[in-house]
Amino acid sequence: MKIKITMMLKKVLSFLKTSFILAITFSLSACEDTKIVNKVMLVQTLGYDVDGKNIRGSTLMGDYTKKNVIGATFLEIKTNSVYDVFNKLNSKTKSPIEYG
């Protein structure tokens, strides 16, 4: 009789541990920073080209500001550093740029 109770207790504890781990996993995965799609520009494609001593960055961004209307914006900039492309593109838009 003691063996059956001990085995049942082990199964219950194992189930509770598994349930706790799953609950923590699901709750932590929902804590990501969220952005509203129609308040940001989503980068669909980003390209880098060498233009002499400069870098030319070009991007195609989805525009979801109007309901049931799909738009796109193409931007192009020139800079002397690859690391500056995203910042310069961001300065040309009215909404912040996010990777999509």
N, C-alpha and C. Protein backbone atom coordinates (compact mmCIF):
# COMPACT_ATOMS: atom_id res chain seq x y z
N MET A 1 0.82 -1.19 0.00
CA MET A 1 0.00 0.00 0.00
C MET A 1 0.87 1.26 0.00
N LYS A 2 1.95 1.24 0.81
CA LYS A 2 2.85 2.39 0.86
C LYS A 2 3.53 2.62 -0.48
N ILE A 3 3.83 1.55 -1.18
CA ILE A 3 4.51 1.66 -2.48
C ILE A 3 3.61 2.35 -3.49
N LYS A 4 2.32 2.02 -3.50
CA LYS A 4 1.38 2.65 -4.43
C LYS A 4 1.24 4.14 -4.14
N ILE A 5 1.16 4.50 -2.87
CA ILE A 5 1.03 5.91 -2.49
C ILE A 5 2.29 6.68 -2.86
N THR A 6 3.44 6.09 -2.64
CA THR A 6 4.71 6.72 -2.98
C THR A 6 4.83 6.93 -4.48
N MET A 7 4.44 5.93 -5.26
CA MET A 7 4.49 6.05 -6.72
C MET A 7 3.52 7.11 -7.22
N MET A 8 2.33 7.16 -6.63
CA MET A 8 1.35 8.17 -7.02
C MET A 8 1.85 9.57 -6.66
N LEU A 9 2.48 9.69 -5.50
CA LEU A 9 3.02 10.97 -5.08
C LEU A 9 4.13 11.43 -6.02
N LYS A 10 4.98 10.51 -6.45
CA LYS A 10 6.04 10.85 -7.40
C LYS A 10 5.46 11.31 -8.73
N LYS A 11 4.40 10.64 -9.20
CA LYS A 11 3.77 11.04 -10.46
C LYS A 11 3.14 12.42 -10.36
N VAL A 12 2.50 12.68 -9.23
CA VAL A 12 1.87 13.99 -9.03
C VAL A 12 2.93 15.08 -8.98
N LEU A 13 4.02 14.84 -8.26
CA LEU A 13 5.10 15.82 -8.19
C LEU A 13 5.75 16.05 -9.55
N SER A 14 5.92 14.99 -10.30
CA SER A 14 6.48 15.12 -11.64
C SER A 14 5.56 15.94 -12.54
N PHE A 15 4.26 15.69 -12.44
CA PHE A 15 3.28 16.46 -13.21
C PHE A 15 3.31 17.94 -12.82
N LEU A 16 3.39 18.21 -11.52
CA LEU A 16 3.42 19.59 -11.05
C LEU A 16 4.69 20.32 -11.51
N LYS A 17 5.82 19.63 -11.48
CA LYS A 17 7.07 20.24 -11.95
C LYS A 17 6.97 20.58 -13.43
N THR A 18 6.47 19.64 -14.21
CA THR A 18 6.33 19.87 -15.65
C THR A 18 5.37 21.02 -15.93
N SER A 19 4.26 21.05 -15.21
CA SER A 19 3.28 22.13 -15.39
C SER A 19 3.88 23.48 -15.03
N PHE A 20 4.65 23.52 -13.95
CA PHE A 20 5.29 24.76 -13.52
C PHE A 20 6.28 25.25 -14.57
N ILE A 21 7.10 24.36 -15.09
CA ILE A 21 8.09 24.74 -16.10
C ILE A 21 7.40 25.25 -17.36
N LEU A 22 6.34 24.58 -17.79
CA LEU A 22 5.60 25.04 -18.97
C LEU A 22 4.95 26.40 -18.73
N ALA A 23 4.39 26.60 -17.56
CA ALA A 23 3.75 27.88 -17.24
C ALA A 23 4.77 29.02 -17.26
N ILE A 24 5.94 28.79 -16.70
CA ILE A 24 7.00 29.81 -16.70
C ILE A 24 7.46 30.09 -18.12
N THR A 25 7.64 29.04 -18.91
CA THR A 25 8.10 29.21 -20.29
C THR A 25 7.11 30.04 -21.10
N PHE A 26 5.83 29.73 -21.00
CA PHE A 26 4.83 30.47 -21.76
C PHE A 26 4.69 31.90 -21.27
N SER A 27 4.78 32.12 -19.99
CA SER A 27 4.63 33.49 -19.48
C SER A 27 5.83 34.35 -19.84
N LEU A 28 7.03 33.79 -19.86
CA LEU A 28 8.21 34.57 -20.22
C LEU A 28 8.27 34.85 -21.71
N SER A 29 7.74 33.98 -22.52
CA SER A 29 7.77 34.22 -23.96
C SER A 29 6.82 35.34 -24.36
N ALA A 30 5.87 35.68 -23.53
CA ALA A 30 4.93 36.75 -23.83
C ALA A 30 5.44 38.11 -23.36
N CYS A 31 6.63 38.18 -22.80
CA CYS A 31 7.15 39.44 -22.25
C CYS A 31 7.97 40.23 -23.26
N GLU A 32 7.94 39.87 -24.51
CA GLU A 32 8.72 40.57 -25.51
C GLU A 32 8.16 41.96 -25.76
N ASP A 33 9.05 42.88 -26.08
CA ASP A 33 8.64 44.25 -26.39
C ASP A 33 7.79 44.25 -27.65
N THR A 34 6.61 44.83 -27.58
CA THR A 34 5.71 44.82 -28.73
C THR A 34 5.70 46.18 -29.42
N LYS A 35 5.48 46.16 -30.70
CA LYS A 35 5.36 47.38 -31.51
C LYS A 35 4.07 47.28 -32.30
N ILE A 36 3.39 48.39 -32.44
CA ILE A 36 2.18 48.45 -33.24
C ILE A 36 2.60 48.59 -34.70
N VAL A 37 2.11 47.71 -35.55
CA VAL A 37 2.57 47.64 -36.94
C VAL A 37 2.29 48.93 -37.70
N ASN A 38 1.17 49.57 -37.44
CA ASN A 38 0.87 50.77 -38.22
C ASN A 38 1.53 52.03 -37.66
N LYS A 39 2.38 51.89 -36.65
CA LYS A 39 3.11 53.04 -36.12
C LYS A 39 4.61 52.97 -36.40
N VAL A 40 5.05 51.93 -37.07
CA VAL A 40 6.46 51.79 -37.43
C VAL A 40 6.56 51.43 -38.91
N MET A 41 7.74 51.61 -39.46
CA MET A 41 8.02 51.19 -40.83
C MET A 41 8.78 49.86 -40.74
N LEU A 42 8.24 48.81 -41.33
CA LEU A 42 8.87 47.50 -41.27
C LEU A 42 9.78 47.29 -42.48
N VAL A 43 11.06 47.06 -42.22
CA VAL A 43 12.02 46.83 -43.29
C VAL A 43 11.80 45.43 -43.84
N GLN A 44 11.50 45.34 -45.12
CA GLN A 44 11.34 44.05 -45.78
C GLN A 44 12.64 43.61 -46.43
N THR A 45 13.34 44.57 -47.04
CA THR A 45 14.60 44.28 -47.73
C THR A 45 15.57 45.41 -47.48
N LEU A 46 16.81 45.08 -47.18
CA LEU A 46 17.86 46.08 -46.96
C LEU A 46 19.07 45.66 -47.78
N GLY A 47 19.55 46.57 -48.62
CA GLY A 47 20.68 46.25 -49.48
C GLY A 47 21.82 47.22 -49.28
N TYR A 48 23.04 46.72 -49.44
CA TYR A 48 24.24 47.53 -49.35
C TYR A 48 24.99 47.41 -50.67
N ASP A 49 25.43 48.54 -51.22
CA ASP A 49 26.22 48.55 -52.45
C ASP A 49 27.42 49.45 -52.26
N VAL A 50 28.54 49.08 -52.87
CA VAL A 50 29.73 49.92 -52.84
C VAL A 50 29.64 50.88 -54.01
N ASP A 51 29.80 52.17 -53.71
CA ASP A 51 29.72 53.21 -54.73
C ASP A 51 30.97 54.07 -54.59
N GLY A 52 32.05 53.65 -55.24
CA GLY A 52 33.33 54.33 -55.07
C GLY A 52 33.85 54.09 -53.67
N LYS A 53 34.05 55.18 -52.92
CA LYS A 53 34.49 55.05 -51.52
C LYS A 53 33.31 55.10 -50.55
N ASN A 54 32.13 55.21 -51.08
CA ASN A 54 30.93 55.30 -50.25
C ASN A 54 30.15 53.99 -50.26
N ILE A 55 29.23 53.90 -49.33
CA ILE A 55 28.29 52.79 -49.25
C ILE A 55 26.91 53.34 -49.56
N ARG A 56 26.21 52.67 -50.45
CA ARG A 56 24.84 53.07 -50.75
C ARG A 56 23.91 52.04 -50.10
N GLY A 57 23.04 52.52 -49.26
CA GLY A 57 22.07 51.65 -48.60
C GLY A 57 20.69 51.90 -49.18
N SER A 58 20.00 50.84 -49.49
CA SER A 58 18.64 50.98 -50.02
C SER A 58 17.74 49.99 -49.30
N THR A 59 16.51 50.40 -49.10
CA THR A 59 15.58 49.56 -48.37
C THR A 59 14.18 49.66 -48.95
N LEU A 60 13.46 48.57 -48.83
CA LEU A 60 12.05 48.52 -49.19
C LEU A 60 11.29 48.23 -47.91
N MET A 61 10.37 49.14 -47.57
CA MET A 61 9.64 49.02 -46.31
C MET A 61 8.15 48.95 -46.57
N GLY A 62 7.49 48.08 -45.83
CA GLY A 62 6.03 47.98 -45.91
C GLY A 62 5.37 49.13 -45.17
N ASP A 63 4.29 49.63 -45.73
CA ASP A 63 3.54 50.73 -45.12
C ASP A 63 2.14 50.21 -44.79
N TYR A 64 1.85 50.09 -43.52
CA TYR A 64 0.57 49.53 -43.08
C TYR A 64 -0.26 50.56 -42.32
N THR A 65 -0.12 51.84 -42.65
CA THR A 65 -0.82 52.87 -41.90
C THR A 65 -2.31 52.94 -42.22
N LYS A 66 -2.70 52.55 -43.43
CA LYS A 66 -4.12 52.58 -43.80
C LYS A 66 -4.67 51.16 -43.81
N LYS A 67 -5.86 51.02 -43.28
CA LYS A 67 -6.49 49.71 -43.20
C LYS A 67 -6.86 49.21 -44.59
N ASN A 68 -6.59 47.93 -44.85
CA ASN A 68 -6.89 47.25 -46.11
C ASN A 68 -6.14 47.83 -47.31
N VAL A 69 -5.09 48.59 -47.06
CA VAL A 69 -4.26 49.14 -48.13
C VAL A 69 -2.82 48.75 -47.84
N ILE A 70 -2.19 48.10 -48.81
CA ILE A 70 -0.80 47.70 -48.64
C ILE A 70 0.05 48.64 -49.49
N GLY A 71 0.99 49.29 -48.85
CA GLY A 71 1.88 50.20 -49.56
C GLY A 71 3.33 49.83 -49.29
N ALA A 72 4.20 50.45 -50.05
CA ALA A 72 5.63 50.21 -49.86
C ALA A 72 6.37 51.52 -50.08
N THR A 73 7.47 51.66 -49.37
CA THR A 73 8.31 52.83 -49.49
C THR A 73 9.73 52.37 -49.81
N PHE A 74 10.35 53.01 -50.80
CA PHE A 74 11.73 52.71 -51.16
C PHE A 74 12.58 53.91 -50.78
N LEU A 75 13.62 53.68 -50.00
CA LEU A 75 14.55 54.74 -49.62
C LEU A 75 15.96 54.35 -49.98
N GLU A 76 16.76 55.36 -50.30
CA GLU A 76 18.15 55.12 -50.66
C GLU A 76 19.00 56.25 -50.07
N ILE A 77 20.14 55.90 -49.49
CA ILE A 77 21.05 56.89 -48.92
C ILE A 77 22.48 56.53 -49.29
N LYS A 78 23.37 57.53 -49.17
CA LYS A 78 24.81 57.29 -49.34
C LYS A 78 25.50 57.69 -48.05
N THR A 79 26.46 56.89 -47.65
CA THR A 79 27.24 57.16 -46.45
C THR A 79 28.62 56.55 -46.61
N ASN A 80 29.51 56.87 -45.70
CA ASN A 80 30.86 56.32 -45.80
C ASN A 80 31.09 55.15 -44.85
N SER A 81 30.05 54.71 -44.15
CA SER A 81 30.18 53.59 -43.21
C SER A 81 28.95 52.70 -43.27
N VAL A 82 29.18 51.41 -43.25
CA VAL A 82 28.07 50.45 -43.24
C VAL A 82 27.24 50.60 -41.97
N TYR A 83 27.89 50.96 -40.88
CA TYR A 83 27.21 51.07 -39.60
C TYR A 83 26.29 52.29 -39.50
N ASP A 84 26.42 53.20 -40.43
CA ASP A 84 25.62 54.43 -40.41
C ASP A 84 24.39 54.35 -41.30
N VAL A 85 24.27 53.29 -42.10
CA VAL A 85 23.17 53.18 -43.07
C VAL A 85 21.81 53.20 -42.38
N PHE A 86 21.64 52.37 -41.38
CA PHE A 86 20.33 52.25 -40.72
C PHE A 86 19.93 53.57 -40.05
N ASN A 87 20.88 54.25 -39.41
CA ASN A 87 20.57 55.52 -38.75
C ASN A 87 20.17 56.59 -39.76
N LYS A 88 20.86 56.66 -40.88
CA LYS A 88 20.51 57.65 -41.90
C LYS A 88 19.16 57.34 -42.54
N LEU A 89 18.89 56.06 -42.77
CA LEU A 89 17.57 55.69 -43.29
C LEU A 89 16.48 56.07 -42.29
N ASN A 90 16.75 55.85 -41.03
CA ASN A 90 15.77 56.16 -39.99
C ASN A 90 15.50 57.66 -39.92
N SER A 91 16.50 58.48 -40.23
CA SER A 91 16.30 59.93 -40.19
C SER A 91 15.46 60.43 -41.37
N LYS A 92 15.28 59.63 -42.40
CA LYS A 92 14.49 60.03 -43.56
C LYS A 92 13.01 59.66 -43.47
N THR A 93 12.63 58.91 -42.45
CA THR A 93 11.24 58.47 -42.35
C THR A 93 10.51 59.23 -41.25
N LYS A 94 9.19 59.30 -41.39
CA LYS A 94 8.39 59.97 -40.36
C LYS A 94 8.09 59.04 -39.19
N SER A 95 8.17 57.73 -39.43
CA SER A 95 7.95 56.73 -38.38
C SER A 95 9.25 55.98 -38.14
N PRO A 96 9.46 55.46 -36.94
CA PRO A 96 10.69 54.70 -36.69
C PRO A 96 10.75 53.43 -37.53
N ILE A 97 11.96 53.05 -37.91
CA ILE A 97 12.17 51.85 -38.71
C ILE A 97 12.43 50.67 -37.77
N GLU A 98 11.80 49.55 -38.07
CA GLU A 98 12.01 48.31 -37.33
C GLU A 98 12.24 47.19 -38.33
N TYR A 99 13.05 46.20 -37.93
CA TYR A 99 13.23 45.03 -38.78
C TYR A 99 11.96 44.19 -38.74
N GLY A 100 11.52 43.69 -39.89
CA GLY A 100 10.29 42.90 -39.94
C GLY A 100 10.49 41.50 -40.37
